[in-house]
Amino acid sequence: MLIQPTLEWLEVGRACSVPVRLYRGASAPPAPFVLHLPGGAFTGLPVERPVASLLAEAGAVVVSADYPIGAAHPFPDAVEAMYGLLQQLHGRRACWAARASKLFVAGEEAGGTLAAALANMARDRLGPPVVGQILLSPMLDPGMGSCSFRDAEAGPVGCKWADGWAVYLGCPDKAAHPYAAPSSGSRLHGLPPALMITTPDDPMRDECLAYARRLMQAGVATHVRAIAAHDWPDALAGPVPPGPPPAWAEVVRKNFADFFAAVLSPVPAQPTDGSVA
């Protein structure tokens, strides 16, 4: 049974507030505190958010945010709004988690783009301190020229991810900005540890793995998991079918819990490359 959220509004500036869903499991304080950004290819936001629920089941307190989307909000609207929210969450973390709780960012698909960007922004702007990033099938490369995209027959014509990138970037030159397209970043040293999850038929598989390799080369502790699941990243947006959760859900939940333990351990675990589970 997936954890159900409560709906709240949080201010991210004097003239801006966003709706958020709070997911809280049976975790003991100080629980990891996660800002979760859902997918939707920058053109829509899902109601069902199984990733946020699984993060809570893994022991975290999770705030899943509705970030600005659509042609009226090209880059950098969404990422700047979420950076403001990240600052709010860190400053008021005792209200939802505990003052000693450590801050993570997480996201799937388009939300993975924003989560990766926030990790970069928090490093560059010297805070708030983000101790880990969790990226599931993240959209990282607007070029979409990888083998996994070609294998998925997700070309630029009629492709929701191509359309989403066009809406999000607004104009092609924005693709060179590392906060817009994290794969374009040339400086990855000093980023927080990463958990990256993909599947064999994931259109974003190759860009996910390429980014993981670059993180490792930059000395970032990176945990890569390629799990046995289908229809990713669409399956991560729900709606969740009735009955038992899909088999991949327990695998993902365990990977979340293991990552929290590795990052928060006094002796951090070594990064690992995963194989198909």
Protein backbone atom coordinates (compact mmCIF):
# COMPACT_ATOMS: atom_id res chain seq x y z
CA MET A 1 0.00 0.00 0.00
CA LEU A 2 1.61 3.24 -1.13
CA ILE A 3 1.79 6.09 1.37
CA GLN A 4 -0.79 8.78 0.69
CA PRO A 5 0.22 12.46 0.82
CA THR A 6 -1.21 15.56 2.41
CA LEU A 7 -1.47 18.69 0.23
CA GLU A 8 0.03 22.02 1.34
CA TRP A 9 1.24 25.29 -0.17
CA LEU A 10 4.74 26.65 0.43
CA GLU A 11 6.06 30.11 -0.42
CA VAL A 12 9.17 30.24 -2.60
CA GLY A 13 9.30 34.01 -2.83
CA ARG A 14 7.32 37.08 -1.88
CA ALA A 15 4.99 36.72 -4.85
CA CYS A 16 5.17 32.98 -5.50
CA SER A 17 3.97 29.82 -3.81
CA VAL A 18 3.70 26.26 -5.07
CA PRO A 19 1.54 23.30 -4.08
CA VAL A 20 3.44 20.45 -2.48
CA ARG A 21 2.52 16.97 -1.34
CA LEU A 22 3.99 15.79 1.96
CA TYR A 23 4.74 12.07 2.29
CA ARG A 24 5.68 10.80 5.72
CA GLY A 25 6.29 7.15 6.60
CA ALA A 26 7.12 5.51 9.90
CA SER A 27 10.70 6.75 9.93
CA ALA A 28 12.61 7.56 13.10
CA PRO A 29 14.04 11.08 13.40
CA PRO A 30 16.21 12.48 12.06
CA ALA A 31 14.83 11.07 8.80
CA PRO A 32 16.32 12.02 5.43
CA PHE A 33 14.45 15.03 4.04
CA VAL A 34 13.82 14.80 0.30
CA LEU A 35 12.66 17.39 -2.22
CA HIS A 36 11.05 15.27 -4.95
CA LEU A 37 10.31 16.55 -8.47
CA PRO A 38 7.93 14.36 -10.54
CA GLY A 39 8.11 13.71 -14.28
CA GLY A 40 5.78 14.87 -17.03
CA ALA A 41 8.17 15.89 -19.84
CA PHE A 42 7.90 19.55 -18.75
CA THR A 43 4.34 19.71 -20.12
CA GLY A 44 2.26 18.08 -17.37
CA LEU A 45 2.47 16.92 -13.76
CA PRO A 46 1.12 13.56 -12.54
CA VAL A 47 -1.36 13.24 -9.71
CA GLU A 48 -0.09 9.80 -8.65
CA ARG A 49 3.54 9.88 -7.47
CA PRO A 50 4.74 6.37 -6.61
CA VAL A 51 8.37 7.50 -6.46
CA ALA A 52 7.59 9.95 -3.65
CA SER A 53 5.68 7.25 -1.80
CA LEU A 54 8.55 4.76 -2.18
CA LEU A 55 11.01 7.35 -0.87
CA ALA A 56 8.83 7.73 2.22
CA GLU A 57 8.57 3.95 2.62
CA ALA A 58 12.39 3.87 2.50
CA GLY A 59 12.51 6.08 5.60
CA ALA A 60 12.41 9.66 4.28
CA VAL A 61 10.16 12.63 4.81
CA VAL A 62 9.31 13.73 1.28
CA VAL A 63 8.05 17.02 -0.15
CA SER A 64 6.90 16.49 -3.76
CA ALA A 65 6.52 19.83 -5.51
CA ASP A 66 4.46 21.07 -8.45
CA TYR A 67 7.03 23.12 -10.34
CA PRO A 68 6.12 25.66 -13.08
CA ILE A 69 5.62 24.05 -16.50
CA GLY A 70 4.54 24.94 -20.02
CA ALA A 71 5.47 27.54 -22.60
CA ALA A 72 4.75 30.37 -20.16
CA HIS A 73 7.55 29.09 -17.90
CA PRO A 74 10.68 28.37 -19.96
CA PHE A 75 14.07 27.84 -18.35
CA PRO A 76 15.06 29.03 -15.79
CA ASP A 77 11.62 29.51 -14.21
CA ALA A 78 11.18 25.98 -12.85
CA VAL A 79 14.70 25.44 -11.61
CA GLU A 80 14.90 28.85 -9.92
CA ALA A 81 11.53 28.29 -8.24
CA MET A 82 12.66 24.90 -6.98
CA TYR A 83 15.95 26.32 -5.76
CA GLY A 84 13.93 28.83 -3.74
CA LEU A 85 11.85 25.98 -2.37
CA LEU A 86 15.00 24.02 -1.50
CA GLN A 87 16.19 27.00 0.54
CA GLN A 88 12.82 27.18 2.31
CA LEU A 89 12.86 23.49 3.12
CA HIS A 90 16.35 23.61 4.55
CA GLY A 91 15.60 26.65 6.68
CA ARG A 92 12.35 25.17 8.00
CA ARG A 93 13.24 21.47 7.98
CA ALA A 94 12.40 21.12 11.67
CA CYS A 95 8.75 21.81 10.78
CA TRP A 96 8.47 18.70 8.59
CA ALA A 97 11.39 16.43 9.47
CA ALA A 98 14.00 17.36 12.11
CA ARG A 99 16.66 20.03 12.45
CA ALA A 100 19.30 17.31 12.12
CA SER A 101 17.73 15.88 8.95
CA LYS A 102 19.95 15.88 5.86
CA LEU A 103 18.63 17.24 2.59
CA PHE A 104 18.37 15.18 -0.62
CA VAL A 105 16.97 15.96 -4.06
CA ALA A 106 15.20 13.35 -6.18
CA GLY A 107 13.35 13.24 -9.46
CA GLU A 108 12.28 11.08 -12.34
CA GLU A 109 12.32 11.98 -16.05
CA ALA A 110 11.89 15.81 -16.29
CA GLY A 111 12.03 15.95 -12.51
CA GLY A 112 15.43 14.26 -12.77
CA THR A 113 16.61 17.16 -14.93
CA LEU A 114 15.64 19.59 -12.18
CA ALA A 115 17.05 17.45 -9.36
CA ALA A 116 20.42 17.19 -11.11
CA ALA A 117 20.38 20.94 -11.77
CA LEU A 118 19.58 21.70 -8.13
CA ALA A 119 22.55 19.63 -7.00
CA ASN A 120 24.75 21.78 -9.25
CA MET A 121 23.16 25.03 -8.10
CA ALA A 122 23.50 24.17 -4.41
CA ARG A 123 27.20 23.48 -4.95
CA ASP A 124 27.79 26.63 -6.98
CA ARG A 125 25.80 28.92 -4.70
CA LEU A 126 27.28 27.42 -1.52
CA GLY A 127 24.04 26.03 -0.20
CA PRO A 128 21.73 24.85 0.97
CA PRO A 129 23.73 21.69 1.74
CA VAL A 130 22.48 18.79 -0.41
CA VAL A 131 23.98 15.46 0.65
CA GLY A 132 22.58 13.23 -2.10
CA GLN A 133 20.81 13.21 -5.48
CA ILE A 134 18.47 10.44 -6.69
CA LEU A 135 17.82 10.38 -10.43
CA LEU A 136 15.45 7.89 -12.09
CA SER A 137 15.44 7.81 -15.90
CA PRO A 138 16.50 11.47 -15.91
CA MET A 139 16.19 13.68 -18.99
CA LEU A 140 19.73 15.04 -19.23
CA ASP A 141 20.51 15.50 -22.93
CA PRO A 142 18.15 17.45 -25.23
CA GLY A 143 20.02 16.11 -28.26
CA MET A 144 18.31 12.71 -27.81
CA GLY A 145 20.77 11.06 -30.20
CA SER A 146 21.60 8.01 -28.09
CA CYS A 147 21.17 4.37 -29.06
CA SER A 148 18.55 3.89 -26.34
CA PHE A 149 16.43 6.66 -27.86
CA ARG A 150 16.75 5.16 -31.32
CA ASP A 151 15.92 1.70 -29.99
CA ALA A 152 12.80 3.13 -28.34
CA GLU A 153 11.82 4.76 -31.64
CA ALA A 154 11.39 8.00 -29.72
CA GLY A 155 12.49 10.34 -32.49
CA PRO A 156 11.91 14.09 -32.61
CA VAL A 157 8.67 13.88 -34.62
CA GLY A 158 5.72 13.27 -32.32
CA CYS A 159 8.02 12.54 -29.39
CA LYS A 160 6.76 13.92 -26.07
CA TRP A 161 10.32 14.30 -24.75
CA ALA A 162 11.42 16.31 -27.80
CA ASP A 163 8.32 18.47 -27.43
CA GLY A 164 9.01 18.82 -23.72
CA TRP A 165 12.60 19.92 -24.23
CA ALA A 166 11.43 22.51 -26.79
CA VAL A 167 8.89 23.90 -24.33
CA TYR A 168 11.31 23.89 -21.39
CA LEU A 169 14.30 25.42 -23.15
CA GLY A 170 12.33 28.03 -25.07
CA CYS A 171 15.22 28.52 -27.50
CA PRO A 172 17.98 26.10 -28.57
CA ASP A 173 20.91 28.08 -27.13
CA LYS A 174 19.65 27.37 -23.59
CA ALA A 175 20.67 23.72 -24.10
CA ALA A 176 24.28 24.72 -23.45
CA HIS A 177 23.49 25.85 -19.89
CA PRO A 178 24.35 23.15 -17.30
CA TYR A 179 21.35 24.05 -15.15
CA ALA A 180 19.05 23.52 -18.15
CA ALA A 181 20.68 20.36 -19.55
CA PRO A 182 22.93 18.79 -16.90
CA SER A 183 24.72 16.62 -19.49
CA SER A 184 26.30 19.80 -20.88
CA GLY A 185 27.99 20.62 -17.58
CA SER A 186 31.79 20.59 -17.72
CA ARG A 187 32.39 20.81 -13.96
CA LEU A 188 31.00 17.93 -11.93
CA HIS A 189 33.57 17.80 -9.14
CA GLY A 190 32.13 18.49 -5.71
CA LEU A 191 28.59 17.29 -6.44
CA PRO A 192 26.85 15.16 -3.81
CA PRO A 193 26.69 11.36 -4.08
CA ALA A 194 24.25 10.10 -6.70
CA LEU A 195 21.89 7.15 -7.08
CA MET A 196 20.93 6.65 -10.72
CA ILE A 197 18.28 4.10 -11.72
CA THR A 198 17.37 3.04 -15.24
CA THR A 199 15.99 0.01 -17.10
CA PRO A 200 17.01 -1.87 -20.27
CA ASP A 201 14.22 -0.35 -22.39
CA ASP A 202 14.41 3.15 -20.90
CA PRO A 203 14.81 5.78 -23.69
CA MET A 204 16.97 7.81 -21.27
CA ARG A 205 19.17 4.81 -20.36
CA ASP A 206 22.27 5.84 -22.31
CA GLU A 207 22.31 9.47 -21.17
CA CYS A 208 21.75 8.28 -17.60
CA LEU A 209 24.72 5.90 -17.78
CA ALA A 210 26.91 8.45 -19.57
CA TYR A 211 26.24 11.03 -16.84
CA ALA A 212 26.98 8.41 -14.18
CA ARG A 213 30.36 7.67 -15.78
CA ARG A 214 31.22 11.38 -15.86
CA LEU A 215 30.25 11.76 -12.21
CA MET A 216 32.51 8.86 -11.29
CA GLN A 217 35.38 10.33 -13.32
CA ALA A 218 34.89 13.58 -11.36
CA GLY A 219 35.23 11.70 -8.08
CA VAL A 220 31.54 11.75 -7.17
CA ALA A 221 30.35 8.63 -5.33
CA THR A 222 27.81 7.26 -7.80
CA HIS A 223 25.57 4.22 -7.39
CA VAL A 224 24.13 2.92 -10.67
CA ARG A 225 21.24 0.47 -10.83
CA ALA A 226 19.76 -1.04 -13.99
CA ILE A 227 16.66 -2.88 -12.82
CA ALA A 228 14.28 -5.26 -14.53
CA ALA A 229 11.21 -3.16 -15.30
CA HIS A 230 9.25 -2.08 -18.35
CA ASP A 231 7.50 1.06 -19.59
CA TRP A 232 9.89 3.41 -17.79
CA PRO A 233 9.68 6.29 -17.25
CA ASP A 234 5.92 6.25 -17.91
CA ALA A 235 5.34 3.71 -15.13
CA LEU A 236 6.81 6.15 -12.62
CA ALA A 237 3.95 8.59 -13.16
CA GLY A 238 1.13 6.20 -12.21
CA PRO A 239 -1.73 5.82 -11.82
CA VAL A 240 -0.89 2.89 -9.60
CA PRO A 241 -3.00 -0.15 -10.54
CA PRO A 242 -5.11 -1.77 -7.82
CA GLY A 243 -3.68 -4.76 -6.00
CA PRO A 244 -0.04 -5.49 -5.13
CA PRO A 245 2.51 -2.93 -6.32
CA PRO A 246 4.61 -3.82 -9.38
CA ALA A 247 7.67 -6.01 -8.77
CA TRP A 248 10.07 -3.15 -9.48
CA ALA A 249 8.62 -1.05 -6.66
CA GLU A 250 10.23 -3.12 -3.89
CA VAL A 251 13.57 -3.13 -5.75
CA VAL A 252 13.46 0.66 -6.06
CA ARG A 253 12.41 1.11 -2.42
CA LYS A 254 15.34 -1.04 -1.26
CA ASN A 255 17.75 0.93 -3.43
CA PHE A 256 16.46 4.15 -1.86
CA ALA A 257 16.93 2.76 1.66
CA ASP A 258 20.42 1.46 0.86
CA PHE A 259 21.42 4.81 -0.63
CA PHE A 260 20.18 6.74 2.41
CA ALA A 261 22.15 4.38 4.65
CA ALA A 262 25.30 4.68 2.53
CA VAL A 263 25.22 8.49 2.39
CA LEU A 264 24.33 8.98 6.05
CA SER A 265 26.69 6.33 7.38
CA PRO A 266 29.71 7.62 9.35
CA VAL A 267 31.83 5.55 6.94
CA PRO A 268 30.31 6.11 3.47
CA ALA A 269 29.96 3.00 1.33
CA GLN A 270 31.92 2.68 -1.88
CA PRO A 271 30.01 3.51 -5.05
CA THR A 272 28.93 0.53 -7.09
CA ASP A 273 27.90 -0.26 -10.63
CA GLY A 274 24.66 -2.21 -10.75
CA SER A 275 23.55 -4.87 -13.17
CA VAL A 276 20.03 -5.83 -14.18
CA ALA A 277 18.20 -6.91 -11.02
